[in-house]
Protein backbone atom coordinates (compact mmCIF):
# COMPACT_ATOMS: atom_id res chain seq x y z
CA MET A 1 11.37 26.51 -8.08
CA PRO A 2 11.38 26.60 -4.27
CA GLU A 3 13.67 24.23 -2.45
CA ARG A 4 11.92 21.11 -1.19
CA THR A 5 12.20 20.45 2.53
CA ASP A 6 11.45 17.28 4.46
CA LEU A 7 11.36 16.32 8.10
CA CYS A 8 14.20 14.40 9.74
CA PRO A 9 12.88 10.86 10.38
CA ILE A 10 14.52 10.82 13.83
CA CYS A 11 13.75 14.18 15.46
CA GLY A 12 11.28 15.81 13.04
CA LYS A 13 13.39 18.92 12.41
CA ARG A 14 13.17 20.42 8.90
CA THR A 15 15.93 19.35 6.54
CA SER A 16 16.74 19.96 2.89
CA ARG A 17 18.11 17.78 0.11
CA LYS A 18 21.08 20.14 0.07
CA ASP A 19 21.95 19.34 3.69
CA GLU A 20 25.07 17.25 4.21
CA HIS A 21 23.28 14.53 6.19
CA PHE A 22 20.00 14.39 4.22
CA PRO A 23 17.47 12.94 4.92
CA PHE A 24 18.65 13.51 8.48
CA CYS A 25 19.22 16.96 9.97
CA SER A 26 22.54 16.09 11.63
CA ALA A 27 25.26 13.49 12.05
CA ARG A 28 23.72 12.62 15.42
CA CYS A 29 20.34 11.68 13.89
CA LYS A 30 22.09 9.74 11.16
CA THR A 31 24.01 7.76 13.81
CA VAL A 32 20.84 7.14 15.86
CA ASP A 33 19.20 5.69 12.73
CA LEU A 34 22.21 3.48 11.99
CA GLY A 35 22.13 2.21 15.56
CA ALA A 36 18.46 1.32 15.22
CA TRP A 37 19.22 -0.74 12.11
CA ALA A 38 22.22 -2.40 13.78
CA SER A 39 20.17 -3.36 16.84
CA GLU A 40 17.40 -4.68 14.55
CA SER A 41 14.86 -2.20 15.89
CA TYR A 42 13.60 -1.70 12.34
CA VAL A 43 11.87 -4.58 10.56
CA ILE A 44 10.23 -5.02 7.20
CA THR A 45 6.64 -6.00 7.92
CA ARG A 46 5.67 -7.26 4.48
CA PRO A 47 7.30 -8.49 1.29
CA VAL A 48 8.49 -5.89 -1.23
CA THR A 49 6.09 -5.62 -4.19
CA GLU A 50 6.44 -4.39 -7.76
CA ALA A 51 4.55 -1.24 -6.73
CA ASP A 52 7.20 -0.54 -4.07
CA GLU A 53 9.96 -0.91 -6.67
CA HIS A 54 8.09 1.39 -9.07
CA PHE A 55 7.76 4.04 -6.35
CA GLU A 56 11.48 3.74 -5.56
CA ASN A 57 12.38 4.16 -9.24
CA LEU A 58 10.23 7.31 -9.45
CA ALA A 59 11.93 8.75 -6.36
CA ASP A 60 15.37 7.96 -7.83
CA ALA A 61 14.44 9.66 -11.12
CA GLU A 62 13.20 12.74 -9.23
CA GLN A 63 16.45 12.92 -7.26
CA ASP A 64 18.52 12.58 -10.47
CA GLU A 65 16.58 15.46 -12.04
CA SER A 66 17.27 17.69 -9.05
CA HIS A 67 21.02 17.14 -9.46
CA ASP A 68 21.02 18.32 -13.10
């Protein structure tokens, strides 16, 4: 099975689940994201629903399977 790649949410560079700083491509992008949370630049725009929790559980199960 080919390795799944995603895009870094900060700079858009390709990153892999095997990367040390996943989902970020580097420590710098990880720190930029943390700074955005700390400065309250990110906000939740709606209440969390059961569908959101279901999606999160599916993503967690997929990640667990990839570690086996």
